[in-house]
Amino acid sequence: MIKRRNRLGRNDWHQQAAQFHDLAAHAHRVAATHHGKEDHRRGHELSKQAMEHSAKAYQFSQEARKTAGTGSANLAGKRNKKKK
C-alpha cells in the first residue's frame, strides 16, 4: 500500500473514495428494490456489497487524510522556513 500512497495525490484519494461512496449508494438502492420485490437473497447480497464498498470508501478517505499534509503548499512553507 505504501507504493500506492506515493503514486496517488490527495485529490486522487478523494476521487477514489467518492467513487466507492457512489457504488455503495447504488448497491443500497438496488438492494432496497430487491427487498421490496420479496427477493431477499439478492437484496442481502447487494447489501453486503454495499457494505464492502463503504469500507473501501472509508479506507480511501483515511489515505486522503494521511496525504493531506504532503501537498506542494506545505512543501513551499517548509522551504520558506529553512531560508529564515
PDB file of N, CA and C in Angstrom:
ATOM      1  N   MET A   1       0.823  -1.192   0.000  1.00  0.00           N
ATOM      2  CA  MET A   1       0.000   0.000   0.000  1.00  0.00           C
ATOM      3  C   MET A   1       0.864   1.251   0.000  1.00  0.00           C
ATOM      4  N   ILE A   2       2.093   1.156   0.481  1.00  0.00           N
ATOM      5  CA  ILE A   2       2.967   2.321   0.542  1.00  0.00           C
ATOM      6  C   ILE A   2       3.268   2.831  -0.862  1.00  0.00           C
ATOM      7  N   LYS A   3       3.527   1.919  -1.786  1.00  0.00           N
ATOM      8  CA  LYS A   3       3.801   2.334  -3.162  1.00  0.00           C
ATOM      9  C   LYS A   3       2.634   3.109  -3.734  1.00  0.00           C
ATOM     10  N   ARG A   4       1.427   2.639  -3.450  1.00  0.00           N
ATOM     11  CA  ARG A   4       0.235   3.293  -3.974  1.00  0.00           C
ATOM     12  C   ARG A   4       0.085   4.699  -3.403  1.00  0.00           C
ATOM     13  N   ARG A   5       0.402   4.868  -2.128  1.00  0.00           N
ATOM     14  CA  ARG A   5       0.284   6.180  -1.498  1.00  0.00           C
ATOM     15  C   ARG A   5       1.202   7.181  -2.196  1.00  0.00           C
ATOM     16  N   ASN A   6       2.374   6.727  -2.583  1.00  0.00           N
ATOM     17  CA  ASN A   6       3.316   7.619  -3.254  1.00  0.00           C
ATOM     18  C   ASN A   6       2.835   8.018  -4.644  1.00  0.00           C
ATOM     19  N   ARG A   7       2.081   7.142  -5.298  1.00  0.00           N
ATOM     20  CA  ARG A   7       1.635   7.435  -6.652  1.00  0.00           C
ATOM     21  C   ARG A   7       0.397   8.317  -6.715  1.00  0.00           C
ATOM     22  N   LEU A   8      -0.458   8.242  -5.720  1.00  0.00           N
ATOM     23  CA  LEU A   8      -1.713   8.980  -5.758  1.00  0.00           C
ATOM     24  C   LEU A   8      -1.609  10.254  -4.929  1.00  0.00           C
ATOM     25  N   GLY A   9      -2.113  11.339  -5.480  1.00  0.00           N
ATOM     26  CA  GLY A   9      -2.178  12.588  -4.740  1.00  0.00           C
ATOM     27  C   GLY A   9      -3.443  12.629  -3.897  1.00  0.00           C
ATOM     28  N   ARG A  10      -3.555  13.667  -3.099  1.00  0.00           N
ATOM     29  CA  ARG A  10      -4.700  13.802  -2.197  1.00  0.00           C
ATOM     30  C   ARG A  10      -6.026  13.804  -2.955  1.00  0.00           C
ATOM     31  N   ASN A  11      -6.083  14.544  -4.055  1.00  0.00           N
ATOM     32  CA  ASN A  11      -7.329  14.597  -4.818  1.00  0.00           C
ATOM     33  C   ASN A  11      -7.678  13.247  -5.424  1.00  0.00           C
ATOM     34  N   ASP A  12      -6.647  12.462  -5.792  1.00  0.00           N
ATOM     35  CA  ASP A  12      -6.895  11.132  -6.335  1.00  0.00           C
ATOM     36  C   ASP A  12      -7.526  10.230  -5.288  1.00  0.00           C
ATOM     37  N   TRP A  13      -7.020  10.318  -4.041  1.00  0.00           N
ATOM     38  CA  TRP A  13      -7.599   9.511  -2.966  1.00  0.00           C
ATOM     39  C   TRP A  13      -9.053   9.917  -2.735  1.00  0.00           C
ATOM     40  N   HIS A  14      -9.327  11.215  -2.752  1.00  0.00           N
ATOM     41  CA  HIS A  14     -10.708  11.690  -2.564  1.00  0.00           C
ATOM     42  C   HIS A  14     -11.596  11.208  -3.706  1.00  0.00           C
ATOM     43  N   GLN A  15     -11.073  11.224  -4.913  1.00  0.00           N
ATOM     44  CA  GLN A  15     -11.844  10.768  -6.075  1.00  0.00           C
ATOM     45  C   GLN A  15     -12.192   9.287  -5.937  1.00  0.00           C
ATOM     46  N   GLN A  16     -11.216   8.485  -5.532  1.00  0.00           N
ATOM     47  CA  GLN A  16     -11.469   7.058  -5.331  1.00  0.00           C
ATOM     48  C   GLN A  16     -12.518   6.840  -4.241  1.00  0.00           C
ATOM     49  N   ALA A  17     -12.401   7.575  -3.143  1.00  0.00           N
ATOM     50  CA  ALA A  17     -13.374   7.456  -2.059  1.00  0.00           C
ATOM     51  C   ALA A  17     -14.772   7.821  -2.547  1.00  0.00           C
ATOM     52  N   ALA A  18     -14.870   8.889  -3.316  1.00  0.00           N
ATOM     53  CA  ALA A  18     -16.171   9.327  -3.838  1.00  0.00           C
ATOM     54  C   ALA A  18     -16.778   8.265  -4.747  1.00  0.00           C
ATOM     55  N   GLN A  19     -15.955   7.630  -5.561  1.00  0.00           N
ATOM     56  CA  GLN A  19     -16.471   6.585  -6.448  1.00  0.00           C
ATOM     57  C   GLN A  19     -17.020   5.406  -5.649  1.00  0.00           C
ATOM     58  N   PHE A  20     -16.309   5.008  -4.592  1.00  0.00           N
ATOM     59  CA  PHE A  20     -16.799   3.901  -3.777  1.00  0.00           C
ATOM     60  C   PHE A  20     -18.053   4.289  -2.997  1.00  0.00           C
ATOM     61  N   HIS A  21     -18.155   5.547  -2.578  1.00  0.00           N
ATOM     62  CA  HIS A  21     -19.383   6.009  -1.926  1.00  0.00           C
ATOM     63  C   HIS A  21     -20.558   5.923  -2.896  1.00  0.00           C
ATOM     64  N   ASP A  22     -20.327   6.323  -4.144  1.00  0.00           N
ATOM     65  CA  ASP A  22     -21.380   6.232  -5.154  1.00  0.00           C
ATOM     66  C   ASP A  22     -21.789   4.784  -5.413  1.00  0.00           C
ATOM     67  N   LEU A  23     -20.792   3.895  -5.500  1.00  0.00           N
ATOM     68  CA  LEU A  23     -21.100   2.474  -5.707  1.00  0.00           C
ATOM     69  C   LEU A  23     -21.901   1.905  -4.544  1.00  0.00           C
ATOM     70  N   ALA A  24     -21.528   2.302  -3.335  1.00  0.00           N
ATOM     71  CA  ALA A  24     -22.256   1.823  -2.151  1.00  0.00           C
ATOM     72  C   ALA A  24     -23.698   2.322  -2.167  1.00  0.00           C
ATOM     73  N   ALA A  25     -23.882   3.580  -2.497  1.00  0.00           N
ATOM     74  CA  ALA A  25     -25.240   4.145  -2.541  1.00  0.00           C
ATOM     75  C   ALA A  25     -26.087   3.429  -3.593  1.00  0.00           C
ATOM     76  N   HIS A  26     -25.501   3.165  -4.737  1.00  0.00           N
ATOM     77  CA  HIS A  26     -26.225   2.464  -5.798  1.00  0.00           C
ATOM     78  C   HIS A  26     -26.608   1.052  -5.341  1.00  0.00           C
ATOM     79  N   ALA A  27     -25.664   0.352  -4.724  1.00  0.00           N
ATOM     80  CA  ALA A  27     -25.946  -1.004  -4.251  1.00  0.00           C
ATOM     81  C   ALA A  27     -27.057  -0.990  -3.203  1.00  0.00           C
ATOM     82  N   HIS A  28     -27.075   0.025  -2.342  1.00  0.00           N
ATOM     83  CA  HIS A  28     -28.146   0.136  -1.340  1.00  0.00           C
ATOM     84  C   HIS A  28     -29.502   0.343  -2.010  1.00  0.00           C
ATOM     85  N   ARG A  29     -29.539   1.206  -3.020  1.00  0.00           N
ATOM     86  CA  ARG A  29     -30.806   1.451  -3.723  1.00  0.00           C
ATOM     87  C   ARG A  29     -31.320   0.192  -4.401  1.00  0.00           C
ATOM     88  N   VAL A  30     -30.419  -0.528  -5.080  1.00  0.00           N
ATOM     89  CA  VAL A  30     -30.823  -1.750  -5.783  1.00  0.00           C
ATOM     90  C   VAL A  30     -31.240  -2.822  -4.769  1.00  0.00           C
ATOM     91  N   ALA A  31     -30.522  -2.906  -3.660  1.00  0.00           N
ATOM     92  CA  ALA A  31     -30.883  -3.873  -2.617  1.00  0.00           C
ATOM     93  C   ALA A  31     -32.282  -3.590  -2.082  1.00  0.00           C
ATOM     94  N   ALA A  32     -32.579  -2.322  -1.864  1.00  0.00           N
ATOM     95  CA  ALA A  32     -33.913  -1.960  -1.373  1.00  0.00           C
ATOM     96  C   ALA A  32     -34.992  -2.361  -2.375  1.00  0.00           C
ATOM     97  N   THR A  33     -34.702  -2.195  -3.648  1.00  0.00           N
ATOM     98  CA  THR A  33     -35.653  -2.590  -4.688  1.00  0.00           C
ATOM     99  C   THR A  33     -35.900  -4.096  -4.637  1.00  0.00           C
ATOM    100  N   HIS A  34     -34.832  -4.874  -4.505  1.00  0.00           N
ATOM    101  CA  HIS A  34     -34.980  -6.328  -4.449  1.00  0.00           C
ATOM    102  C   HIS A  34     -35.729  -6.765  -3.195  1.00  0.00           C
ATOM    103  N   HIS A  35     -35.452  -6.103  -2.074  1.00  0.00           N
ATOM    104  CA  HIS A  35     -36.195  -6.432  -0.856  1.00  0.00           C
ATOM    105  C   HIS A  35     -37.683  -6.127  -1.052  1.00  0.00           C
ATOM    106  N   GLY A  36     -37.978  -5.021  -1.739  1.00  0.00           N
ATOM    107  CA  GLY A  36     -39.372  -4.654  -1.996  1.00  0.00           C
ATOM    108  C   GLY A  36     -40.078  -5.643  -2.900  1.00  0.00           C
ATOM    109  N   LYS A  37     -39.303  -6.336  -3.739  1.00  0.00           N
ATOM    110  CA  LYS A  37     -39.879  -7.338  -4.643  1.00  0.00           C
ATOM    111  C   LYS A  37     -39.828  -8.744  -4.036  1.00  0.00           C
ATOM    112  N   GLU A  38     -39.586  -8.808  -2.717  1.00  0.00           N
ATOM    113  CA  GLU A  38     -39.522 -10.073  -1.987  1.00  0.00           C
ATOM    114  C   GLU A  38     -38.366 -10.967  -2.432  1.00  0.00           C
ATOM    115  N   ASP A  39     -37.354 -10.392  -3.091  1.00  0.00           N
ATOM    116  CA  ASP A  39     -36.144 -11.140  -3.472  1.00  0.00           C
ATOM    117  C   ASP A  39     -35.087 -10.845  -2.403  1.00  0.00           C
ATOM    118  N   HIS A  40     -35.277 -11.431  -1.240  1.00  0.00           N
ATOM    119  CA  HIS A  40     -34.438 -11.095  -0.090  1.00  0.00           C
ATOM    120  C   HIS A  40     -33.016 -11.623  -0.220  1.00  0.00           C
ATOM    121  N   ARG A  41     -32.843 -12.751  -0.887  1.00  0.00           N
ATOM    122  CA  ARG A  41     -31.488 -13.296  -1.055  1.00  0.00           C
ATOM    123  C   ARG A  41     -30.627 -12.325  -1.856  1.00  0.00           C
ATOM    124  N   ARG A  42     -31.133 -11.862  -2.992  1.00  0.00           N
ATOM    125  CA  ARG A  42     -30.366 -10.914  -3.823  1.00  0.00           C
ATOM    126  C   ARG A  42     -30.216  -9.580  -3.089  1.00  0.00           C
ATOM    127  N   GLY A  43     -31.238  -9.153  -2.389  1.00  0.00           N
ATOM    128  CA  GLY A  43     -31.159  -7.914  -1.614  1.00  0.00           C
ATOM    129  C   GLY A  43     -30.082  -7.987  -0.556  1.00  0.00           C
ATOM    130  N   HIS A  44     -29.967  -9.145   0.099  1.00  0.00           N
ATOM    131  CA  HIS A  44     -28.937  -9.326   1.124  1.00  0.00           C
ATOM    132  C   HIS A  44     -27.543  -9.297   0.491  1.00  0.00           C
ATOM    133  N   GLU A  45     -27.381  -9.951  -0.655  1.00  0.00           N
ATOM    134  CA  GLU A  45     -26.091  -9.946  -1.356  1.00  0.00           C
ATOM    135  C   GLU A  45     -25.682  -8.519  -1.714  1.00  0.00           C
ATOM    136  N   LEU A  46     -26.627  -7.751  -2.202  1.00  0.00           N
ATOM    137  CA  LEU A  46     -26.330  -6.376  -2.586  1.00  0.00           C
ATOM    138  C   LEU A  46     -26.044  -5.507  -1.365  1.00  0.00           C
ATOM    139  N   SER A  47     -26.708  -5.789  -0.263  1.00  0.00           N
ATOM    140  CA  SER A  47     -26.417  -5.050   0.975  1.00  0.00           C
ATOM    141  C   SER A  47     -25.002  -5.324   1.447  1.00  0.00           C
ATOM    142  N   LYS A  48     -24.564  -6.583   1.348  1.00  0.00           N
ATOM    143  CA  LYS A  48     -23.187  -6.933   1.707  1.00  0.00           C
ATOM    144  C   LYS A  48     -22.194  -6.222   0.780  1.00  0.00           C
ATOM    145  N   GLN A  49     -22.520  -6.175  -0.505  1.00  0.00           N
ATOM    146  CA  GLN A  49     -21.665  -5.496  -1.468  1.00  0.00           C
ATOM    147  C   GLN A  49     -21.583  -4.003  -1.144  1.00  0.00           C
ATOM    148  N   ALA A  50     -22.700  -3.421  -0.762  1.00  0.00           N
ATOM    149  CA  ALA A  50     -22.717  -2.003  -0.394  1.00  0.00           C
ATOM    150  C   ALA A  50     -21.824  -1.754   0.815  1.00  0.00           C
ATOM    151  N   MET A  51     -21.848  -2.674   1.765  1.00  0.00           N
ATOM    152  CA  MET A  51     -21.012  -2.526   2.947  1.00  0.00           C
ATOM    153  C   MET A  51     -19.530  -2.615   2.586  1.00  0.00           C
ATOM    154  N   GLU A  52     -19.183  -3.499   1.672  1.00  0.00           N
ATOM    155  CA  GLU A  52     -17.800  -3.610   1.219  1.00  0.00           C
ATOM    156  C   GLU A  52     -17.354  -2.322   0.527  1.00  0.00           C
ATOM    157  N   HIS A  53     -18.219  -1.768  -0.308  1.00  0.00           N
ATOM    158  CA  HIS A  53     -17.890  -0.508  -0.983  1.00  0.00           C
ATOM    159  C   HIS A  53     -17.725   0.624   0.033  1.00  0.00           C
ATOM    160  N   SER A  54     -18.570   0.628   1.047  1.00  0.00           N
ATOM    161  CA  SER A  54     -18.461   1.656   2.082  1.00  0.00           C
ATOM    162  C   SER A  54     -17.145   1.532   2.835  1.00  0.00           C
ATOM    163  N   ALA A  55     -16.726   0.319   3.116  1.00  0.00           N
ATOM    164  CA  ALA A  55     -15.446   0.102   3.804  1.00  0.00           C
ATOM    165  C   ALA A  55     -14.284   0.585   2.941  1.00  0.00           C
ATOM    166  N   LYS A  56     -14.342   0.307   1.653  1.00  0.00           N
ATOM    167  CA  LYS A  56     -13.296   0.776   0.732  1.00  0.00           C
ATOM    168  C   LYS A  56     -13.277   2.299   0.685  1.00  0.00           C
ATOM    169  N   ALA A  57     -14.447   2.908   0.639  1.00  0.00           N
ATOM    170  CA  ALA A  57     -14.531   4.368   0.616  1.00  0.00           C
ATOM    171  C   ALA A  57     -13.895   4.947   1.869  1.00  0.00           C
ATOM    172  N   TYR A  58     -14.141   4.320   2.996  1.00  0.00           N
ATOM    173  CA  TYR A  58     -13.552   4.777   4.257  1.00  0.00           C
ATOM    174  C   TYR A  58     -12.033   4.676   4.203  1.00  0.00           C
ATOM    175  N   GLN A  59     -11.514   3.568   3.679  1.00  0.00           N
ATOM    176  CA  GLN A  59     -10.063   3.396   3.568  1.00  0.00           C
ATOM    177  C   GLN A  59      -9.450   4.489   2.697  1.00  0.00           C
ATOM    178  N   PHE A  60     -10.065   4.763   1.564  1.00  0.00           N
ATOM    179  CA  PHE A  60      -9.541   5.802   0.681  1.00  0.00           C
ATOM    180  C   PHE A  60      -9.635   7.179   1.334  1.00  0.00           C
ATOM    181  N   SER A  61     -10.695   7.414   2.090  1.00  0.00           N
ATOM    182  CA  SER A  61     -10.825   8.691   2.806  1.00  0.00           C
ATOM    183  C   SER A  61      -9.712   8.851   3.835  1.00  0.00           C
ATOM    184  N   GLN A  62      -9.388   7.765   4.522  1.00  0.00           N
ATOM    185  CA  GLN A  62      -8.310   7.823   5.508  1.00  0.00           C
ATOM    186  C   GLN A  62      -6.964   8.085   4.832  1.00  0.00           C
ATOM    187  N   GLU A  63      -6.729   7.474   3.687  1.00  0.00           N
ATOM    188  CA  GLU A  63      -5.488   7.724   2.947  1.00  0.00           C
ATOM    189  C   GLU A  63      -5.420   9.183   2.492  1.00  0.00           C
ATOM    190  N   ALA A  64      -6.559   9.732   2.097  1.00  0.00           N
ATOM    191  CA  ALA A  64      -6.590  11.139   1.686  1.00  0.00           C
ATOM    192  C   ALA A  64      -6.218  12.041   2.851  1.00  0.00           C
ATOM    193  N   ARG A  65      -6.698  11.691   4.051  1.00  0.00           N
ATOM    194  CA  ARG A  65      -6.354  12.481   5.243  1.00  0.00           C
ATOM    195  C   ARG A  65      -4.870  12.383   5.546  1.00  0.00           C
ATOM    196  N   LYS A  66      -4.288  11.187   5.366  1.00  0.00           N
ATOM    197  CA  LYS A  66      -2.862  10.994   5.637  1.00  0.00           C
ATOM    198  C   LYS A  66      -1.997  11.815   4.688  1.00  0.00           C
ATOM    199  N   THR A  67      -2.427  11.910   3.429  1.00  0.00           N
ATOM    200  CA  THR A  67      -1.627  12.623   2.437  1.00  0.00           C
ATOM    201  C   THR A  67      -1.936  14.116   2.419  1.00  0.00           C
ATOM    202  N   ALA A  68      -2.878  14.567   3.232  1.00  0.00           N
ATOM    203  CA  ALA A  68      -3.271  15.982   3.223  1.00  0.00           C
ATOM    204  C   ALA A  68      -2.112  16.892   3.607  1.00  0.00           C
ATOM    205  N   GLY A  69      -1.203  16.441   4.421  1.00  0.00           N
ATOM    206  CA  GLY A  69      -0.094  17.271   4.862  1.00  0.00           C
ATOM    207  C   GLY A  69       1.100  17.260   3.938  1.00  0.00           C
ATOM    208  N   THR A  70       1.022  16.570   2.802  1.00  0.00           N
ATOM    209  CA  THR A  70       2.175  16.465   1.918  1.00  0.00           C
ATOM    210  C   THR A  70       2.011  17.256   0.628  1.00  0.00           C
ATOM    211  N   GLY A  71       1.077  18.174   0.591  1.00  0.00           N
ATOM    212  CA  GLY A  71       0.827  18.954  -0.617  1.00  0.00           C
ATOM    213  C   GLY A  71       1.943  19.939  -0.913  1.00  0.00           C
ATOM    214  N   SER A  72       1.947  20.505  -2.112  1.00  0.00           N
ATOM    215  CA  SER A  72       3.005  21.426  -2.524  1.00  0.00           C
ATOM    216  C   SER A  72       2.990  22.713  -1.696  1.00  0.00           C
ATOM    217  N   ALA A  73       1.818  23.128  -1.210  1.00  0.00           N
ATOM    218  CA  ALA A  73       1.755  24.341  -0.386  1.00  0.00           C
ATOM    219  C   ALA A  73       2.541  24.135   0.910  1.00  0.00           C
ATOM    220  N   ASN A  74       2.414  22.951   1.516  1.00  0.00           N
ATOM    221  CA  ASN A  74       3.165  22.674   2.731  1.00  0.00           C
ATOM    222  C   ASN A  74       4.651  22.576   2.455  1.00  0.00           C
ATOM    223  N   LEU A  75       5.022  22.014   1.319  1.00  0.00           N
ATOM    224  CA  LEU A  75       6.437  21.921   0.973  1.00  0.00           C
ATOM    225  C   LEU A  75       7.030  23.309   0.778  1.00  0.00           C
ATOM    226  N   ALA A  76       6.275  24.201   0.150  1.00  0.00           N
ATOM    227  CA  ALA A  76       6.752  25.572  -0.039  1.00  0.00           C
ATOM    228  C   ALA A  76       6.925  26.252   1.312  1.00  0.00           C
ATOM    229  N   GLY A  77       6.012  25.995   2.231  1.00  0.00           N
ATOM    230  CA  GLY A  77       6.116  26.560   3.564  1.00  0.00           C
ATOM    231  C   GLY A  77       7.356  26.057   4.276  1.00  0.00           C
ATOM    232  N   LYS A  78       7.690  24.805   4.117  1.00  0.00           N
ATOM    233  CA  LYS A  78       8.893  24.253   4.739  1.00  0.00           C
ATOM    234  C   LYS A  78      10.143  24.879   4.134  1.00  0.00           C
ATOM    235  N   ARG A  79      10.125  25.114   2.823  1.00  0.00           N
ATOM    236  CA  ARG A  79      11.285  25.750   2.168  1.00  0.00           C
ATOM    237  C   ARG A  79      11.476  27.159   2.697  1.00  0.00           C
ATOM    238  N   ASN A  80      10.369  27.873   2.873  1.00  0.00           N
ATOM    239  CA  ASN A  80      10.466  29.253   3.384  1.00  0.00           C
ATOM    240  C   ASN A  80      11.006  29.283   4.804  1.00  0.00           C
ATOM    241  N   LYS A  81      10.637  28.317   5.621  1.00  0.00           N
ATOM    242  CA  LYS A  81      11.123  28.268   6.984  1.00  0.00           C
ATOM    243  C   LYS A  81      12.619  28.018   7.020  1.00  0.00           C
ATOM    244  N   LYS A  82      13.134  27.210   6.086  1.00  0.00           N
ATOM    245  CA  LYS A  82      14.555  26.917   6.045  1.00  0.00           C
ATOM    246  C   LYS A  82      15.374  28.163   5.711  1.00  0.00           C
ATOM    247  N   LYS A  83      14.830  29.045   4.881  1.00  0.00           N
ATOM    248  CA  LYS A  83      15.545  30.227   4.449  1.00  0.00           C
ATOM    249  C   LYS A  83      15.737  31.219   5.593  1.00  0.00           C
ATOM    250  N   LYS A  84      14.839  31.225   6.561  1.00  0.00           N
ATOM    251  CA  LYS A  84      14.886  32.187   7.664  1.00  0.00           C
ATOM    252  C   LYS A  84      15.969  31.901   8.587  1.00  0.00           C
TER     253      LYS A  84
END
